[in-house]
Amino acid sequence: MAENNFTVITGGGPGIMEAANKGAHLENKCSVGLNIELPQEQTPNPYQSISLDFRYFFVRKVMFVRYSIGYVGMPGGFGTMDELFESLILMQTHKIYPMPVVLFGTEFWSGLLDWIQNTLIKYQVISEGDIDYIKVTDDPQEVLDIMIEHREWKVEQRQIGQKNNDLMI
């Protein structure tokens, strides 16, 4: 992502978040960590060129939403699920512009996607179109292609908006 001029924004912790921040750091690109104060677990990783600390999850999620062009969801726990569904809710309710949500790891995410399809859609508590925001892949190049395509679309939409004096995306 960093090689293609994307700023990398993570939760700032260890593991896959650290790996993403380190990748951007090694490319001398902007590497942001949105750290959360927790009684255990969370220690900011050393690869953040911008490190912000948050006490409350809701404020941190606002920052993720405000400054993201798309999401790459890696296998994770409740925090990952919370941030994933928050972004989907905001797109579903048109509170933010649509952006790709790419879930990396077909095996990990397949059970959740089956449940969404076979429960949420079956019982009509969400629409079939609501899952169109979600893409699942095991291919890092596909993640990059999706993000580049979305960035190009967003630039095009801004140009149309400027031409028509509309609000910016």
Protein backbone atom coordinates (compact mmCIF):
# COMPACT_ATOMS: atom_id res chain seq x y z
CA MET A 1 0.00 0.00 0.00
CA ALA A 2 2.75 2.45 0.95
CA GLU A 3 4.60 1.81 -2.32
CA ASN A 4 1.45 3.07 -4.06
CA ASN A 5 1.19 6.27 -1.99
CA PHE A 6 -1.43 5.17 0.49
CA THR A 7 -1.03 6.33 4.06
CA VAL A 8 -1.21 3.32 6.32
CA ILE A 9 -3.47 3.76 9.35
CA THR A 10 -3.70 1.00 11.95
CA GLY A 11 -4.76 0.57 15.53
CA GLY A 12 -1.10 1.09 16.40
CA GLY A 13 -0.62 -2.13 18.34
CA PRO A 14 1.50 -5.25 17.87
CA GLY A 15 1.09 -8.12 15.41
CA ILE A 16 -0.44 -7.37 12.02
CA MET A 17 -0.87 -3.69 12.95
CA GLU A 18 2.84 -3.42 13.65
CA ALA A 19 3.64 -5.24 10.40
CA ALA A 20 1.54 -2.75 8.41
CA ASN A 21 3.09 0.25 10.15
CA LYS A 22 6.56 -1.23 9.65
CA GLY A 23 5.95 -1.75 5.94
CA ALA A 24 5.02 1.92 5.51
CA HIS A 25 7.92 3.00 7.72
CA LEU A 26 10.41 1.02 5.62
CA GLU A 27 9.10 2.81 2.51
CA ASN A 28 9.53 6.18 4.26
CA LYS A 29 5.79 6.78 3.92
CA CYS A 30 3.30 8.05 6.45
CA SER A 31 2.50 5.39 9.03
CA VAL A 32 -0.28 6.31 11.46
CA GLY A 33 -1.15 4.51 14.67
CA LEU A 34 -4.45 5.21 16.39
CA ASN A 35 -3.60 3.78 19.79
CA ILE A 36 -6.15 3.01 22.47
CA GLU A 37 -5.51 3.06 26.22
CA LEU A 38 -6.24 -0.42 27.54
CA PRO A 39 -5.46 -2.00 30.91
CA GLN A 40 -3.53 -4.72 29.07
CA GLU A 41 -2.41 -5.70 25.55
CA GLN A 42 -2.05 -2.39 23.74
CA THR A 43 1.45 -1.00 23.51
CA PRO A 44 2.13 1.38 20.62
CA ASN A 45 4.43 -0.19 18.05
CA PRO A 46 7.62 1.71 17.18
CA TYR A 47 6.87 2.18 13.45
CA GLN A 48 4.42 5.07 13.63
CA SER A 49 5.36 8.40 12.07
CA ILE A 50 2.14 9.78 13.58
CA SER A 51 1.01 8.27 16.86
CA LEU A 52 -2.28 9.35 18.40
CA ASP A 53 -3.57 8.07 21.71
CA PHE A 54 -7.28 7.64 22.50
CA ARG A 55 -9.07 6.85 25.70
CA TYR A 56 -12.41 6.00 24.11
CA PHE A 57 -13.10 3.60 21.26
CA PHE A 58 -15.83 5.79 19.74
CA VAL A 59 -13.42 8.70 19.24
CA ARG A 60 -10.83 6.40 17.71
CA LYS A 61 -13.43 4.97 15.32
CA VAL A 62 -14.36 8.48 14.19
CA MET A 63 -10.73 9.02 13.24
CA PHE A 64 -10.59 5.75 11.30
CA VAL A 65 -13.72 6.68 9.38
CA ARG A 66 -12.75 10.30 8.78
CA TYR A 67 -9.32 9.60 7.34
CA SER A 68 -9.76 6.29 5.54
CA ILE A 69 -10.26 5.69 1.84
CA GLY A 70 -11.00 2.03 2.48
CA TYR A 71 -10.62 -0.72 5.04
CA VAL A 72 -8.56 -3.88 5.02
CA GLY A 73 -9.85 -6.19 7.72
CA MET A 74 -7.35 -8.73 8.90
CA PRO A 75 -8.33 -11.61 11.19
CA GLY A 76 -9.05 -10.19 14.62
CA GLY A 77 -11.29 -10.17 17.64
CA PHE A 78 -14.10 -8.04 19.03
CA GLY A 79 -12.30 -4.76 18.29
CA THR A 80 -11.91 -5.73 14.65
CA MET A 81 -15.58 -6.73 14.46
CA ASP A 82 -16.65 -3.49 16.11
CA GLU A 83 -14.68 -1.36 13.65
CA LEU A 84 -15.80 -3.47 10.68
CA PHE A 85 -19.50 -3.22 11.50
CA GLU A 86 -19.24 0.47 12.41
CA SER A 87 -17.91 1.25 8.93
CA LEU A 88 -20.61 -0.88 7.30
CA ILE A 89 -23.38 0.78 9.33
CA LEU A 90 -22.17 4.25 8.39
CA MET A 91 -22.13 3.33 4.70
CA GLN A 92 -25.50 1.54 4.90
CA THR A 93 -27.11 4.63 6.46
CA HIS A 94 -25.34 7.03 4.07
CA LYS A 95 -23.51 8.82 6.89
CA ILE A 96 -20.24 8.35 5.01
CA TYR A 97 -19.47 7.81 1.36
CA PRO A 98 -19.07 4.20 0.25
CA MET A 99 -15.60 2.76 0.44
CA PRO A 100 -14.25 -0.72 0.01
CA VAL A 101 -14.13 -3.09 2.94
CA VAL A 102 -11.69 -5.83 1.99
CA LEU A 103 -11.53 -8.79 4.33
CA PHE A 104 -8.25 -10.62 4.03
CA GLY A 105 -8.32 -14.34 4.72
CA THR A 106 -11.13 -16.33 3.15
CA GLU A 107 -10.98 -19.14 5.69
CA PHE A 108 -11.16 -16.75 8.65
CA TRP A 109 -14.03 -14.62 7.31
CA SER A 110 -16.16 -17.30 5.60
CA GLY A 111 -18.18 -18.22 8.70
CA LEU A 112 -19.12 -14.59 9.36
CA LEU A 113 -20.08 -14.04 5.74
CA ASP A 114 -22.17 -17.23 5.72
CA TRP A 115 -23.96 -15.98 8.85
CA ILE A 116 -24.59 -12.58 7.26
CA GLN A 117 -25.97 -14.26 4.13
CA ASN A 118 -27.94 -17.02 5.84
CA THR A 119 -29.23 -15.10 8.83
CA LEU A 120 -29.21 -11.33 8.39
CA ILE A 121 -30.31 -11.38 4.75
CA LYS A 122 -32.59 -14.40 5.20
CA TYR A 123 -34.46 -12.65 8.02
CA GLN A 124 -34.43 -9.39 6.05
CA VAL A 125 -32.73 -7.34 8.74
CA ILE A 126 -30.30 -6.08 6.10
CA SER A 127 -30.65 -5.84 2.33
CA GLU A 128 -28.69 -8.00 -0.09
CA GLY A 129 -27.04 -4.84 -1.43
CA ASP A 130 -25.62 -4.06 2.01
CA ILE A 131 -22.97 -6.74 1.59
CA ASP A 132 -21.82 -5.30 -1.75
CA TYR A 133 -19.34 -3.14 0.17
CA ILE A 134 -17.52 -6.28 1.31
CA LYS A 135 -14.90 -8.09 -0.74
CA VAL A 136 -12.99 -11.13 0.50
CA THR A 137 -9.62 -12.22 -0.79
CA ASP A 138 -6.43 -14.09 -0.03
CA ASP A 139 -4.47 -12.09 -2.62
CA PRO A 140 -2.53 -8.98 -1.50
CA GLN A 141 -2.46 -7.71 -5.11
CA GLU A 142 -6.26 -7.83 -5.25
CA VAL A 143 -6.43 -5.72 -2.07
CA LEU A 144 -4.16 -3.14 -3.70
CA ASP A 145 -6.11 -3.20 -6.97
CA ILE A 146 -9.40 -2.61 -5.13
CA MET A 147 -7.95 0.35 -3.23
CA ILE A 148 -6.36 1.90 -6.31
CA GLU A 149 -9.62 1.54 -8.26
CA HIS A 150 -11.53 3.22 -5.43
CA ARG A 151 -9.00 6.05 -5.16
CA GLU A 152 -9.30 6.69 -8.90
CA TRP A 153 -13.11 6.70 -8.62
CA LYS A 154 -12.92 9.15 -5.72
CA VAL A 155 -10.65 11.51 -7.67
CA GLU A 156 -13.08 11.35 -10.59
CA GLN A 157 -16.02 12.14 -8.29
CA ARG A 158 -14.18 15.15 -6.86
CA GLN A 159 -13.50 16.46 -10.35
CA ILE A 160 -17.18 16.08 -11.28
CA GLY A 161 -18.16 17.83 -8.03
CA GLN A 162 -15.78 20.72 -8.67
CA LYS A 163 -17.07 21.08 -12.20
CA ASN A 164 -20.66 21.18 -10.94
CA ASN A 165 -19.85 23.17 -7.77
CA ASP A 166 -21.16 20.27 -5.69
CA LEU A 167 -19.98 19.28 -2.26
CA MET A 168 -16.67 17.44 -2.18
CA ILE A 169 -16.41 13.74 -1.45
